[in-house]
């Protein structure tokens, strides 16, 4: 029986990747005099991956990677005005209104009446705390965990911290790599709630649908019925 339900935040409770995508479009346009859009996209992703161990996940690291990419692709010719545009784009992302995804409010209101709810999300601590506070959803959750990465050890440590047995735990999120695969690997349950955009780093190899060990939902509004059935 499920007793504790954890949810991802970005692109599970509210829109996030859309802001990154729009910023990347503006970034590609800014670098158009120096490089084709696809090359900009590829170079930015390469730079982000290289910088993850230094900056972690989040908007600030993304902005630093954009600046580094702009300098490299322009051979240092990028000007101060363009760098300012990149910084302003990052600030706009950090201050963007929180747009909840469909079914979030009613789903959380239903679930919190019968289950312990957690947020488990990764990213910059200040940024994530700010978004959670501005979302108006914090009161639904008994625990909020902002982690540097989502791996099997991370989930094992969190379950041990709160005395949760894996068989009584379910994680719901939009990323197979972060919210699903490491969770089912430790013997817990997971629900995949796809989002319209998935960062390349969060993609996972296609799995045999017959052998799936997790649940696929069309939207978060289906989560209460799934949990009830378990």
C-alpha atoms as a PDB file:
ATOM      1  CA  UNK A   1       0.000   0.000   0.000  1.00  0.00           C
ATOM      2  CA  UNK A   2       1.266   3.459  -0.870  1.00  0.00           C
ATOM      3  CA  UNK A   3       1.721   5.773   2.129  1.00  0.00           C
ATOM      4  CA  UNK A   4       4.032   8.487   0.785  1.00  0.00           C
ATOM      5  CA  UNK A   5       3.882  10.158  -2.630  1.00  0.00           C
ATOM      6  CA  UNK A   6       6.705  12.338  -3.904  1.00  0.00           C
ATOM      7  CA  UNK A   7       6.422  14.656  -6.885  1.00  0.00           C
ATOM      8  CA  UNK A   8       8.950  16.412  -9.034  1.00  0.00           C
ATOM      9  CA  UNK A   9       8.436  20.168  -9.311  1.00  0.00           C
ATOM     10  CA  UNK A  10       9.651  21.582 -12.636  1.00  0.00           C
ATOM     11  CA  UNK A  11       7.493  20.418 -15.550  1.00  0.00           C
ATOM     12  CA  UNK A  12       5.449  18.189 -13.239  1.00  0.00           C
ATOM     13  CA  UNK A  13       3.780  20.809 -11.034  1.00  0.00           C
ATOM     14  CA  UNK A  14       4.531  23.893 -13.139  1.00  0.00           C
ATOM     15  CA  UNK A  15       6.012  24.917 -16.496  1.00  0.00           C
ATOM     16  CA  UNK A  16       9.782  25.235 -16.523  1.00  0.00           C
ATOM     17  CA  UNK A  17      11.338  23.773 -19.664  1.00  0.00           C
ATOM     18  CA  UNK A  18       9.279  26.160 -21.805  1.00  0.00           C
ATOM     19  CA  UNK A  19      11.200  29.077 -20.268  1.00  0.00           C
ATOM     20  CA  UNK A  20      14.506  27.364 -21.055  1.00  0.00           C
ATOM     21  CA  UNK A  21      13.372  26.656 -24.613  1.00  0.00           C
ATOM     22  CA  UNK A  22      12.329  30.271 -25.234  1.00  0.00           C
ATOM     23  CA  UNK A  23      15.635  31.498 -23.819  1.00  0.00           C
ATOM     24  CA  UNK A  24      17.515  29.128 -26.128  1.00  0.00           C
ATOM     25  CA  UNK A  25      15.582  30.460 -29.113  1.00  0.00           C
ATOM     26  CA  UNK A  26      16.566  34.022 -28.195  1.00  0.00           C
ATOM     27  CA  UNK A  27      20.130  32.882 -27.619  1.00  0.00           C
ATOM     28  CA  UNK A  28      20.313  31.285 -31.073  1.00  0.00           C
ATOM     29  CA  UNK A  29      18.984  34.489 -32.619  1.00  0.00           C
ATOM     30  CA  UNK A  30      21.580  36.519 -30.720  1.00  0.00           C
ATOM     31  CA  UNK A  31      24.394  34.335 -32.079  1.00  0.00           C
ATOM     32  CA  UNK A  32      23.007  34.167 -35.632  1.00  0.00           C
ATOM     33  CA  UNK A  33      25.788  36.470 -36.965  1.00  0.00           C
ATOM     34  CA  UNK A  34      28.365  33.946 -35.773  1.00  0.00           C
ATOM     35  CA  UNK A  35      26.823  30.498 -36.080  1.00  0.00           C
ATOM     36  CA  UNK A  36      23.823  28.495 -37.333  1.00  0.00           C
ATOM     37  CA  UNK A  37      21.041  27.812 -34.840  1.00  0.00           C
ATOM     38  CA  UNK A  38      21.598  24.040 -34.715  1.00  0.00           C
ATOM     39  CA  UNK A  39      25.288  24.485 -34.037  1.00  0.00           C
ATOM     40  CA  UNK A  40      24.438  26.893 -31.215  1.00  0.00           C
ATOM     41  CA  UNK A  41      22.043  24.355 -29.719  1.00  0.00           C
ATOM     42  CA  UNK A  42      24.623  21.567 -29.887  1.00  0.00           C
ATOM     43  CA  UNK A  43      27.431  23.679 -28.460  1.00  0.00           C
ATOM     44  CA  UNK A  44      25.276  24.965 -25.606  1.00  0.00           C
ATOM     45  CA  UNK A  45      24.273  21.423 -24.660  1.00  0.00           C
ATOM     46  CA  UNK A  46      27.917  20.319 -24.768  1.00  0.00           C
ATOM     47  CA  UNK A  47      28.897  23.234 -22.527  1.00  0.00           C
ATOM     48  CA  UNK A  48      26.061  22.537 -20.082  1.00  0.00           C
ATOM     49  CA  UNK A  49      27.104  18.898 -19.741  1.00  0.00           C
ATOM     50  CA  UNK A  50      30.715  19.896 -19.159  1.00  0.00           C
ATOM     51  CA  UNK A  51      29.691  22.408 -16.502  1.00  0.00           C
ATOM     52  CA  UNK A  52      27.185  20.295 -14.582  1.00  0.00           C
ATOM     53  CA  UNK A  53      29.780  19.067 -12.102  1.00  0.00           C
ATOM     54  CA  UNK A  54      30.720  22.695 -11.388  1.00  0.00           C
ATOM     55  CA  UNK A  55      27.411  24.549 -11.515  1.00  0.00           C
ATOM     56  CA  UNK A  56      24.851  21.807 -10.975  1.00  0.00           C
ATOM     57  CA  UNK A  57      21.316  22.072 -12.359  1.00  0.00           C
ATOM     58  CA  UNK A  58      19.464  25.367 -12.543  1.00  0.00           C
ATOM     59  CA  UNK A  59      19.038  28.709 -14.252  1.00  0.00           C
ATOM     60  CA  UNK A  60      22.254  30.308 -12.987  1.00  0.00           C
ATOM     61  CA  UNK A  61      24.413  27.506 -14.359  1.00  0.00           C
ATOM     62  CA  UNK A  62      22.442  27.658 -17.605  1.00  0.00           C
ATOM     63  CA  UNK A  63      23.184  31.382 -17.970  1.00  0.00           C
ATOM     64  CA  UNK A  64      26.894  30.878 -17.277  1.00  0.00           C
ATOM     65  CA  UNK A  65      26.969  28.138 -19.899  1.00  0.00           C
ATOM     66  CA  UNK A  66      25.244  30.447 -22.409  1.00  0.00           C
ATOM     67  CA  UNK A  67      27.863  33.139 -21.795  1.00  0.00           C
ATOM     68  CA  UNK A  68      30.717  30.653 -22.179  1.00  0.00           C
ATOM     69  CA  UNK A  69      29.158  29.277 -25.367  1.00  0.00           C
ATOM     70  CA  UNK A  70      28.698  32.768 -26.809  1.00  0.00           C
ATOM     71  CA  UNK A  71      32.354  33.615 -26.186  1.00  0.00           C
ATOM     72  CA  UNK A  72      33.560  30.370 -27.766  1.00  0.00           C
ATOM     73  CA  UNK A  73      31.296  30.452 -30.837  1.00  0.00           C
ATOM     74  CA  UNK A  74      32.086  34.111 -31.539  1.00  0.00           C
ATOM     75  CA  UNK A  75      35.834  33.617 -31.003  1.00  0.00           C
ATOM     76  CA  UNK A  76      35.648  36.255 -28.291  1.00  0.00           C
ATOM     77  CA  UNK A  77      33.960  38.837 -30.507  1.00  0.00           C
ATOM     78  CA  UNK A  78      30.688  38.846 -28.560  1.00  0.00           C
ATOM     79  CA  UNK A  79      30.169  42.273 -27.035  1.00  0.00           C
ATOM     80  CA  UNK A  80      29.110  43.536 -23.640  1.00  0.00           C
ATOM     81  CA  UNK A  81      25.649  44.443 -24.907  1.00  0.00           C
ATOM     82  CA  UNK A  82      25.038  40.852 -26.035  1.00  0.00           C
ATOM     83  CA  UNK A  83      26.315  39.472 -22.730  1.00  0.00           C
ATOM     84  CA  UNK A  84      23.899  41.832 -20.982  1.00  0.00           C
ATOM     85  CA  UNK A  85      21.031  40.388 -23.039  1.00  0.00           C
ATOM     86  CA  UNK A  86      21.970  36.864 -21.917  1.00  0.00           C
ATOM     87  CA  UNK A  87      22.092  37.943 -18.266  1.00  0.00           C
ATOM     88  CA  UNK A  88      18.755  39.746 -18.593  1.00  0.00           C
ATOM     89  CA  UNK A  89      17.257  36.597 -20.125  1.00  0.00           C
ATOM     90  CA  UNK A  90      18.410  34.625 -17.099  1.00  0.00           C
ATOM     91  CA  UNK A  91      16.946  37.170 -14.705  1.00  0.00           C
ATOM     92  CA  UNK A  92      13.639  36.999 -16.571  1.00  0.00           C
ATOM     93  CA  UNK A  93      13.621  33.216 -16.146  1.00  0.00           C
ATOM     94  CA  UNK A  94      14.286  33.541 -12.410  1.00  0.00           C
ATOM     95  CA  UNK A  95      11.457  36.068 -12.035  1.00  0.00           C
ATOM     96  CA  UNK A  96       8.964  34.409 -14.383  1.00  0.00           C
ATOM     97  CA  UNK A  97       5.439  33.873 -13.076  1.00  0.00           C
ATOM     98  CA  UNK A  98       4.744  30.362 -11.826  1.00  0.00           C
ATOM     99  CA  UNK A  99       2.282  28.733 -14.223  1.00  0.00           C
ATOM    100  CA  UNK A 100       0.798  25.596 -12.721  1.00  0.00           C
ATOM    101  CA  UNK A 101       0.148  22.683 -15.021  1.00  0.00           C
ATOM    102  CA  UNK A 102      -3.407  21.363 -15.462  1.00  0.00           C
ATOM    103  CA  UNK A 103      -4.928  19.292 -12.638  1.00  0.00           C
ATOM    104  CA  UNK A 104      -2.216  20.195 -10.108  1.00  0.00           C
ATOM    105  CA  UNK A 105      -4.311  21.996  -7.488  1.00  0.00           C
ATOM    106  CA  UNK A 106      -7.153  19.479  -7.391  1.00  0.00           C
ATOM    107  CA  UNK A 107      -4.783  16.494  -7.481  1.00  0.00           C
ATOM    108  CA  UNK A 108      -2.739  17.727  -4.522  1.00  0.00           C
ATOM    109  CA  UNK A 109      -5.876  18.638  -2.570  1.00  0.00           C
ATOM    110  CA  UNK A 110      -7.213  15.107  -3.087  1.00  0.00           C
ATOM    111  CA  UNK A 111      -3.978  13.289  -2.292  1.00  0.00           C
ATOM    112  CA  UNK A 112      -2.964  15.236   0.809  1.00  0.00           C
ATOM    113  CA  UNK A 113      -6.135  14.113   2.572  1.00  0.00           C
ATOM    114  CA  UNK A 114      -4.978  10.491   2.600  1.00  0.00           C
ATOM    115  CA  UNK A 115      -1.231  10.409   1.913  1.00  0.00           C
ATOM    116  CA  UNK A 116       1.986  12.069   3.005  1.00  0.00           C
ATOM    117  CA  UNK A 117       3.217  14.270   0.168  1.00  0.00           C
ATOM    118  CA  UNK A 118       6.785  15.295  -0.651  1.00  0.00           C
ATOM    119  CA  UNK A 119       8.494  17.399  -3.273  1.00  0.00           C
ATOM    120  CA  UNK A 120      11.770  15.941  -4.495  1.00  0.00           C
ATOM    121  CA  UNK A 121      13.359  18.232  -7.051  1.00  0.00           C
ATOM    122  CA  UNK A 122      16.849  19.119  -8.170  1.00  0.00           C
ATOM    123  CA  UNK A 123      18.406  22.441  -8.996  1.00  0.00           C
ATOM    124  CA  UNK A 124      19.662  25.623  -7.417  1.00  0.00           C
ATOM    125  CA  UNK A 125      18.488  25.843  -3.785  1.00  0.00           C
ATOM    126  CA  UNK A 126      17.532  29.540  -3.835  1.00  0.00           C
ATOM    127  CA  UNK A 127      15.787  29.292  -7.202  1.00  0.00           C
ATOM    128  CA  UNK A 128      13.775  26.184  -6.278  1.00  0.00           C
ATOM    129  CA  UNK A 129      12.811  27.526  -2.845  1.00  0.00           C
ATOM    130  CA  UNK A 130      11.599  30.716  -4.511  1.00  0.00           C
ATOM    131  CA  UNK A 131       9.496  28.859  -7.075  1.00  0.00           C
ATOM    132  CA  UNK A 132       7.953  26.591  -4.451  1.00  0.00           C
ATOM    133  CA  UNK A 133       7.060  29.577  -2.273  1.00  0.00           C
ATOM    134  CA  UNK A 134       5.589  31.532  -5.203  1.00  0.00           C
ATOM    135  CA  UNK A 135       3.631  28.532  -6.466  1.00  0.00           C
ATOM    136  CA  UNK A 136       1.284  28.591  -3.474  1.00  0.00           C
ATOM    137  CA  UNK A 137       1.575  24.794  -3.186  1.00  0.00           C
ATOM    138  CA  UNK A 138       3.935  24.412  -0.227  1.00  0.00           C
ATOM    139  CA  UNK A 139       1.140  23.800   2.289  1.00  0.00           C
ATOM    140  CA  UNK A 140       0.234  20.526   0.586  1.00  0.00           C
ATOM    141  CA  UNK A 141       3.630  18.981   1.328  1.00  0.00           C
ATOM    142  CA  UNK A 142       5.022  17.584   4.564  1.00  0.00           C
ATOM    143  CA  UNK A 143       8.572  17.462   3.246  1.00  0.00           C
ATOM    144  CA  UNK A 144      10.445  19.385   0.553  1.00  0.00           C
ATOM    145  CA  UNK A 145      13.818  18.114  -0.631  1.00  0.00           C
ATOM    146  CA  UNK A 146      15.990  20.017  -3.108  1.00  0.00           C
ATOM    147  CA  UNK A 147      18.829  17.764  -4.202  1.00  0.00           C
ATOM    148  CA  UNK A 148      21.867  18.094  -6.446  1.00  0.00           C
ATOM    149  CA  UNK A 149      20.948  15.006  -8.462  1.00  0.00           C
ATOM    150  CA  UNK A 150      18.382  12.206  -8.490  1.00  0.00           C
ATOM    151  CA  UNK A 151      20.071   8.833  -8.309  1.00  0.00           C
ATOM    152  CA  UNK A 152      19.497   5.531  -6.527  1.00  0.00           C
ATOM    153  CA  UNK A 153      21.630   6.633  -3.537  1.00  0.00           C
ATOM    154  CA  UNK A 154      19.720   9.916  -3.343  1.00  0.00           C
ATOM    155  CA  UNK A 155      16.354   8.164  -3.115  1.00  0.00           C
ATOM    156  CA  UNK A 156      17.677   5.513  -0.709  1.00  0.00           C
ATOM    157  CA  UNK A 157      19.018   8.217   1.594  1.00  0.00           C
ATOM    158  CA  UNK A 158      15.774  10.198   1.522  1.00  0.00           C
ATOM    159  CA  UNK A 159      13.647   7.150   2.277  1.00  0.00           C
ATOM    160  CA  UNK A 160      15.961   6.223   5.139  1.00  0.00           C
ATOM    161  CA  UNK A 161      15.871   9.808   6.442  1.00  0.00           C
ATOM    162  CA  UNK A 162      12.086   9.733   6.757  1.00  0.00           C
ATOM    163  CA  UNK A 163      11.728   6.063   7.662  1.00  0.00           C
ATOM    164  CA  UNK A 164       9.824   5.209   4.465  1.00  0.00           C
ATOM    165  CA  UNK A 165       9.843   1.658   3.144  1.00  0.00           C
ATOM    166  CA  UNK A 166      10.311   1.445  -0.646  1.00  0.00           C
ATOM    167  CA  UNK A 167       7.148  -0.633  -1.099  1.00  0.00           C
ATOM    168  CA  UNK A 168       5.135   2.196   0.489  1.00  0.00           C
ATOM    169  CA  UNK A 169       6.625   4.943  -1.703  1.00  0.00           C
ATOM    170  CA  UNK A 170       5.672   6.293  -5.136  1.00  0.00           C
ATOM    171  CA  UNK A 171       7.453   8.979  -7.132  1.00  0.00           C
ATOM    172  CA  UNK A 172       5.702  10.920  -9.914  1.00  0.00           C
ATOM    173  CA  UNK A 173       7.520  13.074 -12.425  1.00  0.00           C
ATOM    174  CA  UNK A 174       8.182  13.930 -16.046  1.00  0.00           C
ATOM    175  CA  UNK A 175      11.695  12.494 -16.346  1.00  0.00           C
ATOM    176  CA  UNK A 176      12.279   8.786 -16.900  1.00  0.00           C
ATOM    177  CA  UNK A 177      15.951   9.248 -16.072  1.00  0.00           C
ATOM    178  CA  UNK A 178      15.488  11.148 -12.810  1.00  0.00           C
ATOM    179  CA  UNK A 179      11.980  10.418 -11.517  1.00  0.00           C
ATOM    180  CA  UNK A 180      11.341   6.849 -12.646  1.00  0.00           C
ATOM    181  CA  UNK A 181      14.281   4.552 -13.357  1.00  0.00           C
ATOM    182  CA  UNK A 182      16.281   5.121 -10.136  1.00  0.00           C
ATOM    183  CA  UNK A 183      13.078   4.788  -8.098  1.00  0.00           C
ATOM    184  CA  UNK A 184      11.992   1.433  -9.478  1.00  0.00           C
ATOM    185  CA  UNK A 185      15.597   0.257  -9.173  1.00  0.00           C
ATOM    186  CA  UNK A 186      15.368   0.550  -5.364  1.00  0.00           C
ATOM    187  CA  UNK A 187      12.075  -1.345  -5.192  1.00  0.00           C
ATOM    188  CA  UNK A 188       9.681   1.601  -5.008  1.00  0.00           C
ATOM    189  CA  UNK A 189       6.951   2.566  -7.473  1.00  0.00           C
ATOM    190  CA  UNK A 190       7.016   5.354 -10.038  1.00  0.00           C
ATOM    191  CA  UNK A 191       4.596   7.130 -12.350  1.00  0.00           C
ATOM    192  CA  UNK A 192       5.791   8.853 -15.506  1.00  0.00           C
ATOM    193  CA  UNK A 193       3.862  12.011 -16.394  1.00  0.00           C
ATOM    194  CA  UNK A 194       5.318  13.143 -19.743  1.00  0.00           C
ATOM    195  CA  UNK A 195       5.840  16.825 -20.491  1.00  0.00           C
ATOM    196  CA  UNK A 196       5.706  18.454 -23.931  1.00  0.00           C
ATOM    197  CA  UNK A 197       9.446  19.228 -23.876  1.00  0.00           C
ATOM    198  CA  UNK A 198      12.191  17.053 -22.417  1.00  0.00           C
ATOM    199  CA  UNK A 199      15.751  18.271 -21.936  1.00  0.00           C
ATOM    200  CA  UNK A 200      18.088  15.962 -23.837  1.00  0.00           C
ATOM    201  CA  UNK A 201      19.982  15.160 -20.632  1.00  0.00           C
ATOM    202  CA  UNK A 202      16.777  13.779 -19.083  1.00  0.00           C
ATOM    203  CA  UNK A 203      15.931  11.370 -21.879  1.00  0.00           C
ATOM    204  CA  UNK A 204      16.275   7.619 -21.379  1.00  0.00           C
ATOM    205  CA  UNK A 205      16.505   4.721 -23.825  1.00  0.00           C
ATOM    206  CA  UNK A 206      13.198   3.349 -25.060  1.00  0.00           C
ATOM    207  CA  UNK A 207      12.031   0.540 -22.805  1.00  0.00           C
ATOM    208  CA  UNK A 208      10.151  -2.613 -23.770  1.00  0.00           C
ATOM    209  CA  UNK A 209       6.525  -1.591 -23.067  1.00  0.00           C
ATOM    210  CA  UNK A 210       5.671  -5.166 -22.094  1.00  0.00           C
ATOM    211  CA  UNK A 211       8.345  -5.162 -19.405  1.00  0.00           C
ATOM    212  CA  UNK A 212       7.654  -1.696 -18.008  1.00  0.00           C
ATOM    213  CA  UNK A 213       7.818  -1.630 -14.238  1.00  0.00           C
ATOM    214  CA  UNK A 214       6.348   1.834 -13.883  1.00  0.00           C
ATOM    215  CA  UNK A 215       3.034   3.516 -14.638  1.00  0.00           C
ATOM    216  CA  UNK A 216       2.422   5.881 -17.541  1.00  0.00           C
ATOM    217  CA  UNK A 217      -0.062   8.722 -17.007  1.00  0.00           C
ATOM    218  CA  UNK A 218      -1.421  11.175 -19.549  1.00  0.00           C
ATOM    219  CA  UNK A 219      -1.635  13.926 -16.946  1.00  0.00           C
ATOM    220  CA  UNK A 220      -1.289  14.445 -13.206  1.00  0.00           C
ATOM    221  CA  UNK A 221      -5.044  14.319 -12.722  1.00  0.00           C
ATOM    222  CA  UNK A 222      -4.874  10.534 -13.165  1.00  0.00           C
ATOM    223  CA  UNK A 223      -2.551  10.088 -10.193  1.00  0.00           C
ATOM    224  CA  UNK A 224      -5.209   9.785  -7.431  1.00  0.00           C
ATOM    225  CA  UNK A 225      -6.972   6.907  -9.195  1.00  0.00           C
ATOM    226  CA  UNK A 226      -3.655   5.163  -9.812  1.00  0.00           C
ATOM    227  CA  UNK A 227      -2.605   5.413  -6.185  1.00  0.00           C
ATOM    228  CA  UNK A 228      -6.031   4.252  -5.011  1.00  0.00           C
ATOM    229  CA  UNK A 229      -5.746   1.181  -7.234  1.00  0.00           C
ATOM    230  CA  UNK A 230      -2.421   0.289  -5.648  1.00  0.00           C
END
